């Protein structure tokens, strides 16, 4: 039985190392160039509905009317971002999404948050290769201002990432993490308000 060769976008999202000499690398370049062009229009939008429409064009998804995104908003790829309902994304966030970014319902993303799914091998001879891992922000999580979430991290349901934190490991449900690297500092009691 012969192995099925997946196209570069499937391999990219699966975390297979992608090198500049890959014969399909032009597909990534095309998407990046398209995203750069569309981002210029996104970041000059003058109302929330226009932002939803223009960001939807970049990510290839209709953005729910309950979701609010403030500009400027930066992404290098865009097509692997998935946004739930009642999501709020504040000003000046950067989403490097070649590995996939999913933000579930009711999540809050503070200003200047960085979601980074992309990395490179440590070996200097292969450093220009691209290796990706997805980020998942679960329902009702809150990412504080200027926090950075690194490749492969899941932020648990109801979890809070304190402002300025750098998160390199999964965050369980119902906790607060803070620091560089982020560590659990508190458990959140859940219940009726």
N, C-alpha and C. Protein backbone atom coordinates (compact mmCIF):
# COMPACT_ATOMS: atom_id res chain seq x y z
N UNK A 1 0.85 -1.19 0.00
CA UNK A 1 0.00 0.00 0.00
C UNK A 1 0.89 1.24 0.00
N UNK A 2 0.62 2.17 -0.87
CA UNK A 2 1.42 3.38 -0.95
C UNK A 2 0.81 4.46 -0.06
N UNK A 3 1.68 5.26 0.53
CA UNK A 3 1.22 6.36 1.38
C UNK A 3 0.61 7.45 0.52
N UNK A 4 -0.43 8.05 1.04
CA UNK A 4 -1.08 9.16 0.34
C UNK A 4 -0.28 10.42 0.65
N UNK A 5 0.13 11.12 -0.39
CA UNK A 5 0.84 12.38 -0.20
C UNK A 5 -0.18 13.49 -0.02
N UNK A 6 -0.14 14.10 1.14
CA UNK A 6 -1.07 15.19 1.42
C UNK A 6 -0.51 16.50 0.86
N UNK A 7 -1.42 17.39 0.49
CA UNK A 7 -0.96 18.67 -0.01
C UNK A 7 -0.30 19.47 1.11
N UNK A 8 0.40 20.52 0.75
CA UNK A 8 1.21 21.27 1.70
C UNK A 8 0.37 21.89 2.82
N UNK A 9 -0.86 22.29 2.54
CA UNK A 9 -1.68 22.90 3.58
C UNK A 9 -2.08 21.88 4.63
N UNK A 10 -2.37 20.66 4.22
CA UNK A 10 -2.67 19.59 5.18
C UNK A 10 -1.44 19.26 6.00
N UNK A 11 -0.28 19.20 5.35
CA UNK A 11 0.96 18.90 6.07
C UNK A 11 1.32 20.04 7.03
N UNK A 12 1.10 21.27 6.60
CA UNK A 12 1.38 22.43 7.44
C UNK A 12 0.56 22.36 8.71
N UNK A 13 -0.73 22.15 8.58
CA UNK A 13 -1.62 22.10 9.73
C UNK A 13 -1.35 20.89 10.61
N UNK A 14 -0.82 19.81 10.03
CA UNK A 14 -0.51 18.59 10.78
C UNK A 14 0.83 18.68 11.52
N UNK A 15 1.57 19.77 11.32
CA UNK A 15 2.83 19.93 12.02
C UNK A 15 4.02 19.26 11.37
N UNK A 16 3.85 18.83 10.12
CA UNK A 16 4.97 18.25 9.37
C UNK A 16 5.92 19.40 9.01
N UNK A 17 7.23 19.25 9.22
CA UNK A 17 8.14 20.34 8.85
C UNK A 17 8.00 20.72 7.37
N UNK A 18 7.88 22.01 7.13
CA UNK A 18 7.75 22.55 5.77
C UNK A 18 9.00 23.35 5.48
N UNK A 19 9.64 23.04 4.36
CA UNK A 19 10.88 23.72 3.98
C UNK A 19 10.64 24.61 2.76
N UNK A 20 11.48 25.61 2.63
CA UNK A 20 11.32 26.57 1.55
C UNK A 20 11.43 25.94 0.16
N UNK A 21 12.14 24.81 0.06
CA UNK A 21 12.29 24.16 -1.25
C UNK A 21 11.16 23.17 -1.56
N UNK A 22 10.13 23.13 -0.71
CA UNK A 22 8.98 22.26 -0.97
C UNK A 22 8.34 22.67 -2.29
N UNK A 23 8.07 21.72 -3.20
CA UNK A 23 7.50 22.10 -4.50
C UNK A 23 6.14 22.78 -4.43
N UNK A 24 5.45 22.65 -3.29
CA UNK A 24 4.14 23.30 -3.15
C UNK A 24 4.21 24.57 -2.29
N UNK A 25 5.40 25.02 -1.95
CA UNK A 25 5.53 26.18 -1.06
C UNK A 25 4.83 27.42 -1.62
N UNK A 26 4.70 27.48 -2.93
CA UNK A 26 4.03 28.63 -3.57
C UNK A 26 2.59 28.79 -3.06
N UNK A 27 1.96 27.69 -2.63
CA UNK A 27 0.58 27.78 -2.12
C UNK A 27 0.53 28.59 -0.82
N UNK A 28 1.52 28.39 0.04
CA UNK A 28 1.60 29.17 1.27
C UNK A 28 1.87 30.64 0.94
N UNK A 29 2.82 30.88 0.05
CA UNK A 29 3.14 32.25 -0.34
C UNK A 29 1.93 32.97 -0.91
N UNK A 30 1.15 32.27 -1.71
CA UNK A 30 -0.03 32.88 -2.31
C UNK A 30 -1.02 33.31 -1.23
N UNK A 31 -1.26 32.44 -0.25
CA UNK A 31 -2.20 32.78 0.84
C UNK A 31 -1.67 33.95 1.66
N UNK A 32 -0.38 33.93 1.97
CA UNK A 32 0.22 35.03 2.74
C UNK A 32 0.08 36.36 1.99
N UNK A 33 0.37 36.37 0.69
CA UNK A 33 0.24 37.60 -0.09
C UNK A 33 -1.21 38.08 -0.13
N UNK A 34 -2.14 37.16 -0.29
CA UNK A 34 -3.57 37.51 -0.28
C UNK A 34 -3.96 38.10 1.06
N UNK A 35 -3.48 37.50 2.14
CA UNK A 35 -3.80 37.97 3.49
C UNK A 35 -3.23 39.36 3.73
N UNK A 36 -2.03 39.61 3.26
CA UNK A 36 -1.43 40.95 3.40
C UNK A 36 -2.32 41.99 2.71
N UNK A 37 -2.77 41.69 1.52
CA UNK A 37 -3.63 42.63 0.79
C UNK A 37 -4.96 42.85 1.50
N UNK A 38 -5.59 41.76 1.94
CA UNK A 38 -6.89 41.88 2.61
C UNK A 38 -6.76 42.55 3.98
N UNK A 39 -5.61 42.37 4.64
CA UNK A 39 -5.40 42.97 5.96
C UNK A 39 -5.37 44.50 5.90
N UNK A 40 -4.86 45.03 4.82
CA UNK A 40 -4.84 46.49 4.66
C UNK A 40 -6.26 47.04 4.70
N UNK A 41 -7.19 46.38 4.02
CA UNK A 41 -8.59 46.82 4.03
C UNK A 41 -9.22 46.57 5.41
N UNK A 42 -8.91 45.43 6.01
CA UNK A 42 -9.44 45.12 7.35
C UNK A 42 -9.07 46.23 8.33
N UNK A 43 -7.82 46.63 8.34
CA UNK A 43 -7.34 47.55 9.36
C UNK A 43 -7.69 49.01 9.09
N UNK A 44 -8.43 49.27 8.01
CA UNK A 44 -8.99 50.60 7.79
C UNK A 44 -10.52 50.59 7.91
N UNK A 45 -11.08 49.45 8.33
CA UNK A 45 -12.53 49.35 8.52
C UNK A 45 -12.97 50.34 9.60
N UNK A 46 -14.18 50.86 9.43
CA UNK A 46 -14.64 51.92 10.33
C UNK A 46 -15.81 51.52 11.22
N UNK A 47 -16.26 50.26 11.13
CA UNK A 47 -17.29 49.80 12.06
C UNK A 47 -17.18 48.29 12.25
N UNK A 48 -17.82 47.79 13.31
CA UNK A 48 -17.67 46.39 13.71
C UNK A 48 -18.16 45.44 12.62
N UNK A 49 -19.28 45.77 11.96
CA UNK A 49 -19.78 44.87 10.92
C UNK A 49 -18.80 44.79 9.74
N UNK A 50 -18.23 45.90 9.37
CA UNK A 50 -17.24 45.90 8.29
C UNK A 50 -16.01 45.07 8.70
N UNK A 51 -15.61 45.18 9.96
CA UNK A 51 -14.49 44.36 10.45
C UNK A 51 -14.84 42.89 10.34
N UNK A 52 -16.04 42.50 10.79
CA UNK A 52 -16.47 41.10 10.70
C UNK A 52 -16.41 40.60 9.25
N UNK A 53 -16.92 41.41 8.35
CA UNK A 53 -16.95 41.01 6.94
C UNK A 53 -15.54 40.85 6.38
N UNK A 54 -14.69 41.83 6.61
CA UNK A 54 -13.33 41.79 6.05
C UNK A 54 -12.48 40.69 6.68
N UNK A 55 -12.61 40.50 8.00
CA UNK A 55 -11.88 39.40 8.64
C UNK A 55 -12.44 38.06 8.16
N UNK A 56 -13.73 37.98 7.97
CA UNK A 56 -14.34 36.76 7.42
C UNK A 56 -13.78 36.41 6.05
N UNK A 57 -13.51 37.43 5.23
CA UNK A 57 -12.89 37.19 3.93
C UNK A 57 -11.50 36.59 4.08
N UNK A 58 -10.75 37.04 5.08
CA UNK A 58 -9.40 36.53 5.31
C UNK A 58 -9.44 35.09 5.80
N UNK A 59 -10.30 34.81 6.78
CA UNK A 59 -10.28 33.49 7.40
C UNK A 59 -11.19 32.48 6.69
N UNK A 60 -12.01 32.97 5.77
CA UNK A 60 -12.89 32.05 5.03
C UNK A 60 -14.03 31.52 5.87
N UNK A 61 -14.50 32.34 6.81
CA UNK A 61 -15.58 31.94 7.71
C UNK A 61 -16.46 33.15 7.95
N UNK A 62 -17.76 32.95 7.97
CA UNK A 62 -18.65 34.03 8.38
C UNK A 62 -18.52 34.19 9.88
N UNK A 63 -18.25 35.41 10.31
CA UNK A 63 -18.07 35.67 11.73
C UNK A 63 -19.43 36.03 12.32
N UNK A 64 -19.78 35.33 13.38
CA UNK A 64 -21.08 35.51 14.01
C UNK A 64 -21.28 36.95 14.46
N UNK A 65 -22.53 37.43 14.36
CA UNK A 65 -22.87 38.81 14.75
C UNK A 65 -22.57 39.09 16.21
N UNK A 66 -22.47 38.05 17.03
CA UNK A 66 -22.21 38.25 18.46
C UNK A 66 -20.72 38.41 18.77
N UNK A 67 -19.87 38.19 17.79
CA UNK A 67 -18.42 38.28 17.98
C UNK A 67 -17.94 39.67 17.58
N UNK A 68 -17.05 40.23 18.41
CA UNK A 68 -16.51 41.56 18.15
C UNK A 68 -15.00 41.48 18.08
N UNK A 69 -14.45 42.09 17.03
CA UNK A 69 -13.01 42.19 16.85
C UNK A 69 -12.69 43.66 16.61
N UNK A 70 -11.71 44.17 17.36
CA UNK A 70 -11.25 45.53 17.16
C UNK A 70 -9.99 45.52 16.30
N UNK A 71 -9.85 46.55 15.47
CA UNK A 71 -8.64 46.71 14.67
C UNK A 71 -7.74 47.72 15.37
N UNK A 72 -6.43 47.68 15.13
CA UNK A 72 -5.81 46.79 14.16
C UNK A 72 -5.78 45.34 14.65
N UNK A 73 -5.82 44.44 13.68
CA UNK A 73 -5.74 43.00 13.91
C UNK A 73 -4.75 42.46 12.89
N UNK A 74 -3.83 41.63 13.34
CA UNK A 74 -2.76 41.14 12.47
C UNK A 74 -2.78 39.62 12.38
N UNK A 75 -2.67 39.12 11.17
CA UNK A 75 -2.47 37.70 10.94
C UNK A 75 -1.59 37.55 9.71
N UNK A 76 -0.75 36.53 9.71
CA UNK A 76 0.13 36.31 8.57
C UNK A 76 -0.47 35.33 7.56
N UNK A 77 -1.49 34.58 7.97
CA UNK A 77 -2.04 33.52 7.12
C UNK A 77 -3.56 33.63 7.08
N UNK A 78 -4.18 33.48 8.22
CA UNK A 78 -5.61 33.75 8.34
C UNK A 78 -6.53 32.57 8.11
N UNK A 79 -6.20 31.70 7.18
CA UNK A 79 -7.15 30.67 6.78
C UNK A 79 -7.32 29.54 7.80
N UNK A 80 -6.47 29.50 8.82
CA UNK A 80 -6.60 28.46 9.84
C UNK A 80 -7.08 29.02 11.18
N UNK A 81 -7.77 30.17 11.14
CA UNK A 81 -8.38 30.75 12.34
C UNK A 81 -9.86 30.37 12.35
N UNK A 82 -10.34 29.91 13.52
CA UNK A 82 -11.75 29.61 13.70
C UNK A 82 -12.24 30.33 14.95
N UNK A 83 -13.31 31.12 14.81
CA UNK A 83 -13.84 31.91 15.91
C UNK A 83 -15.26 31.46 16.26
N UNK A 84 -15.52 31.31 17.55
CA UNK A 84 -16.84 30.93 18.02
C UNK A 84 -17.76 32.14 18.14
N UNK A 85 -18.83 31.95 18.89
CA UNK A 85 -19.82 33.01 19.13
C UNK A 85 -19.46 33.76 20.41
N UNK A 86 -19.86 35.03 20.46
CA UNK A 86 -19.66 35.88 21.63
C UNK A 86 -18.18 35.97 22.02
N UNK A 87 -17.31 35.92 21.03
CA UNK A 87 -15.88 36.11 21.24
C UNK A 87 -15.60 37.60 21.18
N UNK A 88 -14.67 38.06 22.02
CA UNK A 88 -14.23 39.45 21.97
C UNK A 88 -12.72 39.47 21.80
N UNK A 89 -12.24 40.15 20.77
CA UNK A 89 -10.81 40.30 20.51
C UNK A 89 -10.50 41.80 20.49
N UNK A 90 -9.66 42.23 21.42
CA UNK A 90 -9.35 43.65 21.58
C UNK A 90 -8.28 44.09 20.56
N UNK A 91 -7.88 45.34 20.63
CA UNK A 91 -6.97 45.99 19.68
C UNK A 91 -5.59 45.32 19.62
N UNK A 92 -4.99 45.36 18.43
CA UNK A 92 -3.57 45.08 18.20
C UNK A 92 -3.13 43.66 18.54
N UNK A 93 -4.00 42.69 18.30
CA UNK A 93 -3.62 41.28 18.50
C UNK A 93 -2.95 40.74 17.25
N UNK A 94 -2.04 39.78 17.45
CA UNK A 94 -1.35 39.10 16.34
C UNK A 94 -1.60 37.61 16.44
N UNK A 95 -2.16 37.05 15.38
CA UNK A 95 -2.45 35.62 15.31
C UNK A 95 -1.62 35.02 14.18
N UNK A 96 -0.58 34.27 14.52
CA UNK A 96 0.20 33.52 13.53
C UNK A 96 -0.38 32.12 13.52
N UNK A 97 -1.22 31.84 12.54
CA UNK A 97 -2.15 30.72 12.60
C UNK A 97 -1.85 29.56 11.66
N UNK A 98 -0.65 29.44 11.12
CA UNK A 98 -0.39 28.35 10.17
C UNK A 98 -0.60 26.97 10.79
N UNK A 99 -0.54 26.87 12.12
CA UNK A 99 -0.80 25.60 12.79
C UNK A 99 -2.25 25.43 13.20
N UNK A 100 -3.04 26.48 13.09
CA UNK A 100 -4.45 26.44 13.45
C UNK A 100 -4.71 27.11 14.79
N UNK A 101 -5.64 28.04 14.81
CA UNK A 101 -6.08 28.70 16.04
C UNK A 101 -7.59 28.56 16.11
N UNK A 102 -8.06 27.99 17.22
CA UNK A 102 -9.49 27.88 17.47
C UNK A 102 -9.81 28.62 18.75
N UNK A 103 -10.76 29.53 18.67
CA UNK A 103 -11.22 30.28 19.83
C UNK A 103 -12.70 29.95 20.00
N UNK A 104 -13.01 29.27 21.10
CA UNK A 104 -14.38 28.83 21.35
C UNK A 104 -15.25 29.97 21.87
N UNK A 105 -16.55 29.69 22.00
CA UNK A 105 -17.55 30.67 22.41
C UNK A 105 -17.18 31.36 23.72
N UNK A 106 -17.52 32.63 23.80
CA UNK A 106 -17.43 33.46 25.01
C UNK A 106 -16.00 33.76 25.46
N UNK A 107 -15.00 33.46 24.65
CA UNK A 107 -13.62 33.77 25.03
C UNK A 107 -13.36 35.26 24.90
N UNK A 108 -12.47 35.76 25.76
CA UNK A 108 -12.07 37.17 25.74
C UNK A 108 -10.57 37.23 25.48
N UNK A 109 -10.18 38.01 24.48
CA UNK A 109 -8.78 38.16 24.12
C UNK A 109 -8.42 39.63 24.32
N UNK A 110 -7.49 39.90 25.24
CA UNK A 110 -7.12 41.27 25.57
C UNK A 110 -6.29 41.92 24.48
N UNK A 111 -6.00 43.22 24.63
CA UNK A 111 -5.21 43.92 23.63
C UNK A 111 -3.78 43.40 23.57
N UNK A 112 -3.20 43.44 22.39
CA UNK A 112 -1.81 43.08 22.13
C UNK A 112 -1.48 41.63 22.47
N UNK A 113 -2.47 40.75 22.45
CA UNK A 113 -2.23 39.32 22.68
C UNK A 113 -1.60 38.71 21.43
N UNK A 114 -0.64 37.82 21.63
CA UNK A 114 0.01 37.10 20.54
C UNK A 114 -0.32 35.62 20.65
N UNK A 115 -0.92 35.06 19.61
CA UNK A 115 -1.16 33.62 19.51
C UNK A 115 -0.25 33.11 18.41
N UNK A 116 0.76 32.32 18.78
CA UNK A 116 1.83 31.92 17.87
C UNK A 116 1.81 30.41 17.69
N UNK A 117 1.43 29.93 16.52
CA UNK A 117 1.40 28.48 16.27
C UNK A 117 2.62 27.99 15.50
N UNK A 118 3.52 28.89 15.19
CA UNK A 118 4.64 28.57 14.29
C UNK A 118 5.97 28.59 15.04
N UNK A 119 6.85 27.66 14.64
CA UNK A 119 8.15 27.55 15.26
C UNK A 119 9.14 27.06 14.21
N UNK A 120 10.40 26.92 14.61
CA UNK A 120 11.47 26.44 13.72
C UNK A 120 12.33 25.43 14.47
N UNK A 121 12.94 24.49 13.76
CA UNK A 121 13.82 23.53 14.42
C UNK A 121 15.03 24.23 15.06
N UNK A 122 15.54 23.63 16.13
CA UNK A 122 16.73 24.18 16.78
C UNK A 122 17.98 23.98 15.94
N UNK A 123 18.03 22.90 15.17
CA UNK A 123 19.19 22.59 14.34
C UNK A 123 19.44 23.73 13.35
N UNK A 124 20.58 24.44 13.45
CA UNK A 124 20.82 25.58 12.56
C UNK A 124 20.78 25.22 11.08
N UNK A 125 21.13 23.99 10.74
CA UNK A 125 21.12 23.62 9.32
C UNK A 125 19.71 23.47 8.76
N UNK A 126 18.71 23.39 9.66
CA UNK A 126 17.32 23.22 9.22
C UNK A 126 16.43 24.33 9.80
N UNK A 127 17.03 25.39 10.30
CA UNK A 127 16.31 26.43 11.03
C UNK A 127 15.24 27.12 10.20
N UNK A 128 15.38 27.19 8.91
CA UNK A 128 14.38 27.89 8.08
C UNK A 128 13.13 27.06 7.84
N UNK A 129 13.15 25.79 8.25
CA UNK A 129 11.94 24.96 8.14
C UNK A 129 10.88 25.51 9.10
N UNK A 130 9.64 25.27 8.77
CA UNK A 130 8.52 25.74 9.56
C UNK A 130 7.84 24.53 10.19
N UNK A 131 7.66 24.57 11.52
CA UNK A 131 6.98 23.50 12.24
C UNK A 131 5.84 24.16 13.02
N UNK A 132 4.64 23.61 12.90
CA UNK A 132 3.48 24.23 13.53
C UNK A 132 2.79 23.29 14.51
N UNK A 133 2.11 23.90 15.48
CA UNK A 133 1.25 23.17 16.42
C UNK A 133 0.06 24.08 16.71
N UNK A 134 -1.15 23.50 16.80
CA UNK A 134 -2.34 24.33 16.98
C UNK A 134 -2.47 24.91 18.38
N UNK A 135 -3.21 26.00 18.45
CA UNK A 135 -3.61 26.62 19.72
C UNK A 135 -5.13 26.51 19.83
N UNK A 136 -5.58 26.12 21.03
CA UNK A 136 -7.01 26.05 21.32
C UNK A 136 -7.29 26.90 22.55
N UNK A 137 -8.17 27.87 22.39
CA UNK A 137 -8.65 28.69 23.51
C UNK A 137 -10.08 28.22 23.78
N UNK A 138 -10.27 27.55 24.91
CA UNK A 138 -11.58 26.95 25.18
C UNK A 138 -12.59 27.98 25.67
N UNK A 139 -13.81 27.54 25.73
CA UNK A 139 -14.98 28.34 26.08
C UNK A 139 -14.74 29.15 27.35
N UNK A 140 -15.08 30.42 27.27
CA UNK A 140 -15.10 31.33 28.40
C UNK A 140 -13.72 31.63 28.99
N UNK A 141 -12.65 31.31 28.25
CA UNK A 141 -11.31 31.66 28.72
C UNK A 141 -11.08 33.15 28.52
N UNK A 142 -10.16 33.70 29.29
CA UNK A 142 -9.81 35.12 29.21
C UNK A 142 -8.30 35.22 29.13
N UNK A 143 -7.82 35.81 28.03
CA UNK A 143 -6.39 36.02 27.82
C UNK A 143 -6.11 37.49 28.05
N UNK A 144 -5.29 37.80 29.05
CA UNK A 144 -5.03 39.18 29.44
C UNK A 144 -4.12 39.91 28.47
N UNK A 145 -4.08 41.22 28.61
CA UNK A 145 -3.33 42.10 27.72
C UNK A 145 -1.88 41.67 27.57
N UNK A 146 -1.42 41.68 26.33
CA UNK A 146 -0.02 41.42 25.96
C UNK A 146 0.49 40.04 26.37
N UNK A 147 -0.41 39.10 26.61
CA UNK A 147 0.01 37.72 26.86
C UNK A 147 0.42 37.08 25.54
N UNK A 148 1.30 36.09 25.63
CA UNK A 148 1.73 35.33 24.46
C UNK A 148 1.45 33.86 24.71
N UNK A 149 0.74 33.23 23.77
CA UNK A 149 0.45 31.80 23.83
C UNK A 149 1.29 31.15 22.75
N UNK A 150 2.10 30.17 23.13
CA UNK A 150 3.04 29.53 22.21
C UNK A 150 2.45 28.29 21.54
N UNK A 151 3.13 27.76 20.52
CA UNK A 151 2.59 26.64 19.74
C UNK A 151 2.20 25.44 20.58
N UNK A 152 1.05 24.85 20.22
CA UNK A 152 0.60 23.60 20.81
C UNK A 152 -0.13 23.73 22.13
N UNK A 153 -0.40 24.95 22.57
CA UNK A 153 -1.00 25.17 23.89
C UNK A 153 -2.52 25.18 23.79
N UNK A 154 -3.16 24.54 24.79
CA UNK A 154 -4.60 24.63 24.99
C UNK A 154 -4.83 25.42 26.27
N UNK A 155 -5.69 26.42 26.20
CA UNK A 155 -6.11 27.19 27.37
C UNK A 155 -7.47 26.65 27.77
N UNK A 156 -7.57 26.15 28.99
CA UNK A 156 -8.78 25.47 29.46
C UNK A 156 -9.99 26.36 29.60
N UNK A 157 -11.13 25.70 29.72
CA UNK A 157 -12.40 26.39 29.89
C UNK A 157 -12.37 27.23 31.17
N UNK A 158 -12.85 28.45 31.07
CA UNK A 158 -12.91 29.42 32.18
C UNK A 158 -11.55 29.87 32.70
N UNK A 159 -10.47 29.42 32.11
CA UNK A 159 -9.14 29.79 32.59
C UNK A 159 -8.84 31.25 32.29
N UNK A 160 -7.92 31.81 33.08
CA UNK A 160 -7.47 33.19 32.89
C UNK A 160 -5.96 33.18 32.75
N UNK A 161 -5.48 33.86 31.73
CA UNK A 161 -4.04 34.07 31.55
C UNK A 161 -3.78 35.54 31.88
N UNK A 162 -2.97 35.76 32.92
CA UNK A 162 -2.71 37.13 33.37
C UNK A 162 -1.96 37.93 32.32
N UNK A 163 -2.15 39.23 32.36
CA UNK A 163 -1.50 40.14 31.42
C UNK A 163 0.01 39.93 31.43
N UNK A 164 0.59 39.92 30.23
CA UNK A 164 2.04 39.83 30.07
C UNK A 164 2.62 38.44 30.22
N UNK A 165 1.81 37.45 30.47
CA UNK A 165 2.30 36.08 30.65
C UNK A 165 2.75 35.48 29.33
N UNK A 166 3.66 34.51 29.43
CA UNK A 166 4.06 33.70 28.29
C UNK A 166 3.70 32.26 28.61
N UNK A 167 2.78 31.68 27.84
CA UNK A 167 2.25 30.37 28.12
C UNK A 167 2.86 29.35 27.16
N UNK A 168 3.61 28.41 27.72
CA UNK A 168 4.29 27.40 26.90
C UNK A 168 3.75 26.00 27.13
N UNK A 169 2.84 25.84 28.11
CA UNK A 169 2.24 24.53 28.41
C UNK A 169 0.74 24.69 28.57
N UNK A 170 0.02 23.58 28.37
CA UNK A 170 -1.43 23.61 28.51
C UNK A 170 -1.85 24.16 29.86
N UNK A 171 -2.97 24.89 29.86
CA UNK A 171 -3.55 25.47 31.07
C UNK A 171 -4.85 24.72 31.36
N UNK A 172 -4.98 24.14 32.56
CA UNK A 172 -6.21 23.41 32.88
C UNK A 172 -7.43 24.34 32.96
N UNK A 173 -8.60 23.74 33.00
CA UNK A 173 -9.83 24.49 33.21
C UNK A 173 -9.79 25.18 34.58
N UNK A 174 -10.45 26.32 34.68
CA UNK A 174 -10.75 26.96 35.96
C UNK A 174 -9.54 27.33 36.81
N UNK A 175 -8.48 27.82 36.17
CA UNK A 175 -7.32 28.30 36.92
C UNK A 175 -6.88 29.65 36.35
N UNK A 176 -6.07 30.36 37.14
CA UNK A 176 -5.40 31.57 36.69
C UNK A 176 -3.92 31.24 36.59
N UNK A 177 -3.32 31.60 35.46
CA UNK A 177 -1.87 31.44 35.30
C UNK A 177 -1.26 32.81 35.09
N UNK A 178 0.01 32.94 35.53
CA UNK A 178 0.71 34.21 35.37
C UNK A 178 2.20 33.95 35.31
N UNK A 179 2.92 34.88 34.68
CA UNK A 179 4.37 34.85 34.70
C UNK A 179 5.01 34.40 33.41
N UNK A 180 6.34 34.34 33.46
CA UNK A 180 7.15 33.92 32.32
C UNK A 180 8.16 32.90 32.83
N UNK A 181 7.97 31.63 32.56
CA UNK A 181 6.79 31.05 31.90
C UNK A 181 5.60 31.03 32.86
N UNK A 182 4.41 30.98 32.30
CA UNK A 182 3.19 31.03 33.11
C UNK A 182 3.06 29.80 33.99
N UNK A 183 2.64 30.06 35.23
CA UNK A 183 2.40 28.99 36.21
C UNK A 183 1.06 29.25 36.87
N UNK A 184 0.43 28.19 37.38
CA UNK A 184 -0.86 28.33 38.07
C UNK A 184 -0.64 29.10 39.37
N UNK A 185 -1.44 30.16 39.55
CA UNK A 185 -1.36 30.94 40.79
C UNK A 185 -2.66 30.90 41.60
N UNK A 186 -3.74 30.41 40.96
CA UNK A 186 -5.02 30.43 41.66
C UNK A 186 -6.00 29.49 40.97
N UNK A 187 -6.90 28.93 41.75
CA UNK A 187 -8.01 28.15 41.20
C UNK A 187 -9.25 29.03 41.24
N UNK A 188 -10.04 28.94 40.19
CA UNK A 188 -11.26 29.74 40.07
C UNK A 188 -12.43 28.90 40.56
N UNK A 189 -13.18 29.45 41.51
CA UNK A 189 -14.40 28.78 41.96
C UNK A 189 -15.50 29.11 40.98
N UNK A 190 -16.16 28.12 40.46
CA UNK A 190 -17.24 28.36 39.51
C UNK A 190 -18.57 28.11 40.20
N UNK A 191 -19.60 28.74 39.69
CA UNK A 191 -20.93 28.56 40.25
C UNK A 191 -21.84 29.66 39.77
N UNK A 192 -23.01 29.70 40.34
CA UNK A 192 -24.00 30.70 39.96
C UNK A 192 -23.55 32.08 40.42
N UNK A 193 -23.85 33.07 39.60
CA UNK A 193 -23.49 34.44 39.94
C UNK A 193 -24.64 35.13 40.63
